[in-house]
N, C-alpha and C. Protein backbone atom coordinates (compact mmCIF):
# COMPACT_ATOMS: atom_id res chain seq x y z
N UNK A 1 -7.48 23.46 -30.94
CA UNK A 1 -7.71 22.69 -29.73
C UNK A 1 -8.14 23.62 -28.60
N UNK A 2 -7.48 24.77 -28.50
CA UNK A 2 -7.82 25.72 -27.45
C UNK A 2 -9.24 26.24 -27.62
N UNK A 3 -9.61 26.61 -28.83
CA UNK A 3 -10.98 27.09 -29.07
C UNK A 3 -12.00 26.02 -28.72
N UNK A 4 -11.72 24.78 -29.10
CA UNK A 4 -12.61 23.67 -28.78
C UNK A 4 -12.77 23.54 -27.27
N UNK A 5 -11.66 23.57 -26.55
CA UNK A 5 -11.70 23.41 -25.09
C UNK A 5 -12.45 24.56 -24.43
N UNK A 6 -12.26 25.77 -24.92
CA UNK A 6 -12.95 26.92 -24.32
C UNK A 6 -14.45 26.91 -24.59
N UNK A 7 -14.88 26.23 -25.65
CA UNK A 7 -16.30 26.16 -25.99
C UNK A 7 -17.04 25.04 -25.26
N UNK A 8 -16.33 24.19 -24.54
CA UNK A 8 -16.99 23.08 -23.85
C UNK A 8 -17.85 23.61 -22.70
N UNK A 9 -19.04 23.07 -22.51
CA UNK A 9 -19.88 23.51 -21.39
C UNK A 9 -19.27 23.08 -20.05
N UNK A 10 -19.52 23.89 -19.02
CA UNK A 10 -18.97 23.62 -17.69
C UNK A 10 -19.37 22.24 -17.17
N UNK A 11 -20.56 21.79 -17.49
CA UNK A 11 -21.03 20.50 -16.97
C UNK A 11 -20.16 19.34 -17.47
N UNK A 12 -19.44 19.54 -18.57
CA UNK A 12 -18.54 18.50 -19.08
C UNK A 12 -17.17 18.55 -18.42
N UNK A 13 -16.92 19.64 -17.72
CA UNK A 13 -15.59 19.85 -17.15
C UNK A 13 -15.52 19.62 -15.65
N UNK A 14 -16.59 19.93 -14.95
CA UNK A 14 -16.59 19.84 -13.48
C UNK A 14 -17.79 19.05 -12.97
N UNK A 15 -17.55 18.28 -11.92
CA UNK A 15 -18.64 17.61 -11.23
C UNK A 15 -18.17 17.30 -9.81
N UNK A 16 -18.95 17.74 -8.83
CA UNK A 16 -18.64 17.49 -7.41
C UNK A 16 -17.19 17.84 -7.07
N UNK A 17 -16.78 19.04 -7.44
CA UNK A 17 -15.43 19.53 -7.15
C UNK A 17 -14.32 18.69 -7.76
N UNK A 18 -14.64 17.88 -8.74
CA UNK A 18 -13.61 17.11 -9.43
C UNK A 18 -13.50 17.68 -10.84
N UNK A 19 -12.31 18.18 -11.15
CA UNK A 19 -12.09 18.80 -12.45
C UNK A 19 -11.68 17.79 -13.51
N UNK A 20 -11.56 18.29 -14.72
CA UNK A 20 -11.11 17.51 -15.88
C UNK A 20 -11.99 16.28 -16.12
N UNK A 21 -13.27 16.44 -15.95
CA UNK A 21 -14.20 15.32 -16.07
C UNK A 21 -14.13 14.67 -17.45
N UNK A 22 -14.15 15.47 -18.50
CA UNK A 22 -14.11 14.92 -19.85
C UNK A 22 -12.80 14.16 -20.09
N UNK A 23 -11.71 14.72 -19.64
CA UNK A 23 -10.42 14.06 -19.79
C UNK A 23 -10.38 12.75 -19.02
N UNK A 24 -10.91 12.73 -17.82
CA UNK A 24 -10.94 11.50 -17.01
C UNK A 24 -11.78 10.41 -17.69
N UNK A 25 -12.90 10.81 -18.26
CA UNK A 25 -13.74 9.82 -18.95
C UNK A 25 -13.02 9.24 -20.17
N UNK A 26 -12.31 10.08 -20.88
CA UNK A 26 -11.55 9.61 -22.03
C UNK A 26 -10.42 8.68 -21.58
N UNK A 27 -9.71 9.05 -20.54
CA UNK A 27 -8.62 8.22 -20.04
C UNK A 27 -9.11 6.86 -19.56
N UNK A 28 -10.29 6.83 -18.98
CA UNK A 28 -10.84 5.58 -18.46
C UNK A 28 -10.95 4.51 -19.55
N UNK A 29 -11.13 4.95 -20.80
CA UNK A 29 -11.23 4.00 -21.91
C UNK A 29 -9.90 3.29 -22.19
N UNK A 30 -8.80 3.97 -21.92
CA UNK A 30 -7.51 3.47 -22.37
C UNK A 30 -6.50 3.12 -21.26
N UNK A 31 -6.72 3.63 -20.06
CA UNK A 31 -5.74 3.44 -18.98
C UNK A 31 -6.40 2.93 -17.72
N UNK A 32 -5.65 2.22 -16.89
CA UNK A 32 -6.19 1.81 -15.59
C UNK A 32 -6.47 3.05 -14.72
N UNK A 33 -7.54 3.01 -13.96
CA UNK A 33 -7.97 4.16 -13.17
C UNK A 33 -6.91 4.63 -12.18
N UNK A 34 -6.08 3.73 -11.64
CA UNK A 34 -5.10 4.15 -10.64
C UNK A 34 -4.03 5.09 -11.22
N UNK A 35 -3.95 5.17 -12.54
CA UNK A 35 -2.98 6.09 -13.14
C UNK A 35 -3.46 7.54 -13.15
N UNK A 36 -4.75 7.76 -13.10
CA UNK A 36 -5.25 9.13 -13.18
C UNK A 36 -6.23 9.49 -12.07
N UNK A 37 -6.64 8.56 -11.25
CA UNK A 37 -7.52 8.87 -10.11
C UNK A 37 -6.71 8.76 -8.83
N UNK A 38 -5.88 9.75 -8.61
CA UNK A 38 -5.02 9.79 -7.44
C UNK A 38 -4.74 11.24 -7.10
N UNK A 39 -4.25 11.49 -5.91
CA UNK A 39 -3.92 12.88 -5.55
C UNK A 39 -2.78 13.42 -6.41
N UNK A 40 -2.72 14.72 -6.48
CA UNK A 40 -1.65 15.35 -7.24
C UNK A 40 -0.30 14.98 -6.64
N UNK A 41 0.69 14.91 -7.50
CA UNK A 41 2.05 14.64 -7.07
C UNK A 41 2.95 15.74 -7.60
N UNK A 42 3.77 16.26 -6.74
CA UNK A 42 4.72 17.28 -7.18
C UNK A 42 5.97 16.64 -7.72
N UNK A 43 6.83 17.45 -8.24
CA UNK A 43 8.12 16.97 -8.71
C UNK A 43 9.13 18.08 -8.46
N UNK A 44 10.35 17.71 -8.31
CA UNK A 44 11.38 18.71 -8.09
C UNK A 44 12.25 18.83 -9.33
N UNK A 45 12.74 20.01 -9.53
CA UNK A 45 13.64 20.27 -10.64
C UNK A 45 15.05 19.86 -10.20
N UNK A 46 15.78 19.13 -11.01
CA UNK A 46 17.10 18.64 -10.60
C UNK A 46 18.19 19.69 -10.69
N UNK A 47 18.01 20.81 -9.97
CA UNK A 47 18.97 21.90 -10.02
C UNK A 47 20.37 21.45 -9.62
N UNK A 48 20.46 20.66 -8.56
CA UNK A 48 21.77 20.22 -8.07
C UNK A 48 22.56 19.55 -9.19
N UNK A 49 21.90 18.66 -9.91
CA UNK A 49 22.56 17.95 -11.00
C UNK A 49 22.87 18.88 -12.17
N UNK A 50 21.98 19.82 -12.45
CA UNK A 50 22.21 20.75 -13.55
C UNK A 50 23.47 21.57 -13.32
N UNK A 51 23.66 22.01 -12.07
CA UNK A 51 24.82 22.84 -11.78
C UNK A 51 26.11 22.02 -11.71
N UNK A 52 26.01 20.71 -11.67
CA UNK A 52 27.20 19.87 -11.64
C UNK A 52 27.42 19.14 -12.96
N UNK A 53 26.47 19.19 -13.86
CA UNK A 53 26.55 18.37 -15.06
C UNK A 53 26.63 19.17 -16.33
N UNK A 54 25.92 18.65 -17.32
CA UNK A 54 26.01 19.17 -18.68
C UNK A 54 25.53 20.61 -18.82
N UNK A 55 24.67 21.07 -17.92
CA UNK A 55 24.14 22.43 -18.04
C UNK A 55 24.92 23.45 -17.23
N UNK A 56 26.09 23.07 -16.76
CA UNK A 56 26.89 23.96 -15.93
C UNK A 56 27.14 25.29 -16.62
N UNK A 57 27.51 25.26 -17.87
CA UNK A 57 27.82 26.50 -18.59
C UNK A 57 26.58 27.38 -18.75
N UNK A 58 25.44 26.77 -19.00
CA UNK A 58 24.21 27.55 -19.18
C UNK A 58 23.75 28.17 -17.87
N UNK A 59 24.08 27.53 -16.75
CA UNK A 59 23.67 28.02 -15.44
C UNK A 59 24.87 28.53 -14.65
N UNK A 60 25.68 29.33 -15.28
CA UNK A 60 26.89 29.83 -14.63
C UNK A 60 26.71 31.31 -14.30
N UNK A 61 26.36 31.62 -13.05
CA UNK A 61 26.15 33.03 -12.71
C UNK A 61 27.43 33.85 -12.79
N UNK A 62 28.61 33.20 -12.75
CA UNK A 62 29.87 33.94 -12.84
C UNK A 62 30.05 34.58 -14.22
N UNK A 63 29.31 34.10 -15.21
CA UNK A 63 29.38 34.68 -16.56
C UNK A 63 28.48 35.89 -16.72
N UNK A 64 27.69 36.19 -15.73
CA UNK A 64 26.72 37.28 -15.84
C UNK A 64 27.30 38.57 -15.27
N UNK A 65 27.79 39.39 -16.14
CA UNK A 65 28.43 40.64 -15.72
C UNK A 65 27.46 41.58 -15.03
N UNK A 66 26.20 41.53 -15.38
CA UNK A 66 25.22 42.43 -14.77
C UNK A 66 25.13 42.22 -13.27
N UNK A 67 25.36 41.00 -12.81
CA UNK A 67 25.35 40.73 -11.36
C UNK A 67 26.41 41.54 -10.64
N UNK A 68 27.58 41.60 -11.24
CA UNK A 68 28.72 42.22 -10.58
C UNK A 68 28.76 43.72 -10.83
N UNK A 69 28.19 44.16 -11.93
CA UNK A 69 28.13 45.59 -12.22
C UNK A 69 27.29 46.34 -11.20
N UNK A 70 26.33 45.65 -10.60
CA UNK A 70 25.46 46.29 -9.62
C UNK A 70 26.22 46.67 -8.36
N UNK A 71 27.31 45.96 -8.06
CA UNK A 71 28.08 46.24 -6.86
C UNK A 71 27.57 45.53 -5.63
N UNK A 72 26.46 44.85 -5.74
CA UNK A 72 25.88 44.14 -4.59
C UNK A 72 26.39 42.71 -4.46
N UNK A 73 26.84 42.14 -5.56
CA UNK A 73 27.28 40.75 -5.60
C UNK A 73 28.77 40.73 -5.93
N UNK A 74 29.54 39.99 -5.15
CA UNK A 74 30.97 39.88 -5.41
C UNK A 74 31.26 38.61 -6.22
N UNK A 75 32.06 38.78 -7.26
CA UNK A 75 32.43 37.66 -8.11
C UNK A 75 33.11 36.55 -7.29
N UNK A 76 33.94 36.92 -6.33
CA UNK A 76 34.64 35.92 -5.51
C UNK A 76 33.66 35.05 -4.73
N UNK A 77 32.61 35.66 -4.23
CA UNK A 77 31.61 34.91 -3.49
C UNK A 77 30.87 33.91 -4.37
N UNK A 78 30.52 34.34 -5.56
CA UNK A 78 29.83 33.45 -6.50
C UNK A 78 30.76 32.32 -6.92
N UNK A 79 32.02 32.65 -7.16
CA UNK A 79 32.99 31.62 -7.54
C UNK A 79 33.16 30.60 -6.42
N UNK A 80 33.17 31.05 -5.17
CA UNK A 80 33.27 30.13 -4.04
C UNK A 80 32.05 29.21 -3.95
N UNK A 81 30.87 29.78 -4.16
CA UNK A 81 29.64 28.96 -4.15
C UNK A 81 29.70 27.90 -5.25
N UNK A 82 30.09 28.31 -6.44
CA UNK A 82 30.18 27.37 -7.57
C UNK A 82 31.18 26.26 -7.27
N UNK A 83 32.34 26.63 -6.72
CA UNK A 83 33.38 25.66 -6.43
C UNK A 83 32.92 24.66 -5.36
N UNK A 84 32.34 25.17 -4.27
CA UNK A 84 31.87 24.28 -3.20
C UNK A 84 30.78 23.35 -3.72
N UNK A 85 29.92 23.86 -4.58
CA UNK A 85 28.85 23.03 -5.14
C UNK A 85 29.43 21.96 -6.07
N UNK A 86 30.33 22.36 -6.95
CA UNK A 86 30.91 21.43 -7.92
C UNK A 86 31.69 20.31 -7.22
N UNK A 87 32.33 20.63 -6.11
CA UNK A 87 33.10 19.62 -5.38
C UNK A 87 32.22 18.74 -4.48
N UNK A 88 30.95 19.11 -4.38
CA UNK A 88 30.04 18.31 -3.56
C UNK A 88 30.11 18.61 -2.08
N UNK A 89 30.76 19.72 -1.71
CA UNK A 89 30.86 20.08 -0.30
C UNK A 89 29.51 20.52 0.26
N UNK A 90 28.77 21.29 -0.53
CA UNK A 90 27.43 21.74 -0.13
C UNK A 90 26.57 21.86 -1.37
N UNK A 91 25.28 21.76 -1.15
CA UNK A 91 24.33 21.93 -2.24
C UNK A 91 23.90 23.40 -2.28
N UNK A 92 24.48 24.15 -3.17
CA UNK A 92 24.14 25.57 -3.33
C UNK A 92 23.25 25.80 -4.55
N UNK A 93 22.62 24.76 -5.03
CA UNK A 93 21.88 24.86 -6.28
C UNK A 93 20.80 25.93 -6.25
N UNK A 94 20.07 26.06 -5.15
CA UNK A 94 19.01 27.06 -5.09
C UNK A 94 19.59 28.47 -5.10
N UNK A 95 20.65 28.69 -4.36
CA UNK A 95 21.30 30.01 -4.37
C UNK A 95 21.83 30.33 -5.77
N UNK A 96 22.47 29.36 -6.38
CA UNK A 96 23.02 29.58 -7.71
C UNK A 96 21.92 29.87 -8.73
N UNK A 97 20.84 29.14 -8.63
CA UNK A 97 19.72 29.37 -9.55
C UNK A 97 19.15 30.78 -9.35
N UNK A 98 19.02 31.19 -8.09
CA UNK A 98 18.52 32.54 -7.81
C UNK A 98 19.45 33.60 -8.40
N UNK A 99 20.76 33.37 -8.33
CA UNK A 99 21.71 34.30 -8.92
C UNK A 99 21.58 34.33 -10.45
N UNK A 100 21.37 33.18 -11.05
CA UNK A 100 21.19 33.13 -12.50
C UNK A 100 19.95 33.92 -12.90
N UNK A 101 18.86 33.72 -12.20
CA UNK A 101 17.61 34.43 -12.52
C UNK A 101 17.79 35.93 -12.31
N UNK A 102 18.41 36.32 -11.20
CA UNK A 102 18.67 37.74 -10.95
C UNK A 102 19.54 38.32 -12.04
N UNK A 103 20.58 37.60 -12.43
CA UNK A 103 21.46 38.09 -13.48
C UNK A 103 20.75 38.28 -14.80
N UNK A 104 19.92 37.32 -15.17
CA UNK A 104 19.16 37.44 -16.43
C UNK A 104 18.18 38.60 -16.37
N UNK A 105 17.58 38.80 -15.19
CA UNK A 105 16.65 39.90 -15.02
C UNK A 105 17.39 41.24 -15.16
N UNK A 106 18.54 41.34 -14.51
CA UNK A 106 19.33 42.58 -14.61
C UNK A 106 19.76 42.85 -16.05
N UNK A 107 20.14 41.81 -16.77
CA UNK A 107 20.52 41.98 -18.18
C UNK A 107 19.34 42.49 -19.01
N UNK A 108 18.16 41.93 -18.73
CA UNK A 108 16.97 42.32 -19.49
C UNK A 108 16.56 43.76 -19.21
N UNK A 109 16.84 44.23 -17.99
CA UNK A 109 16.44 45.59 -17.60
C UNK A 109 17.45 46.63 -18.06
N UNK A 110 18.63 46.18 -18.43
CA UNK A 110 19.69 47.15 -18.81
C UNK A 110 19.44 47.75 -20.17
């Protein structure tokens, strides 16, 4: 599929600054135009729910020893963030996610 797509001529892909021309023509056969002829829409990742729900264990920065071995992050602080988030006092999901990513990065570099 990738080779096929890379071999397509540009004139089939772009026209008047509108991309995905071939895909749009194909979609027009099967779907109403309002489903694919609209501005882009973003979406947010449900981090808040992940840190409070079923993925809590997978996203637990307190389990990442590399964070604390560095000496820059205190386990007590992370535990407080997790507790406040779990109780619904504050949404610390972005901070917690950043700590998880930093911890995984530190583990990979060790």
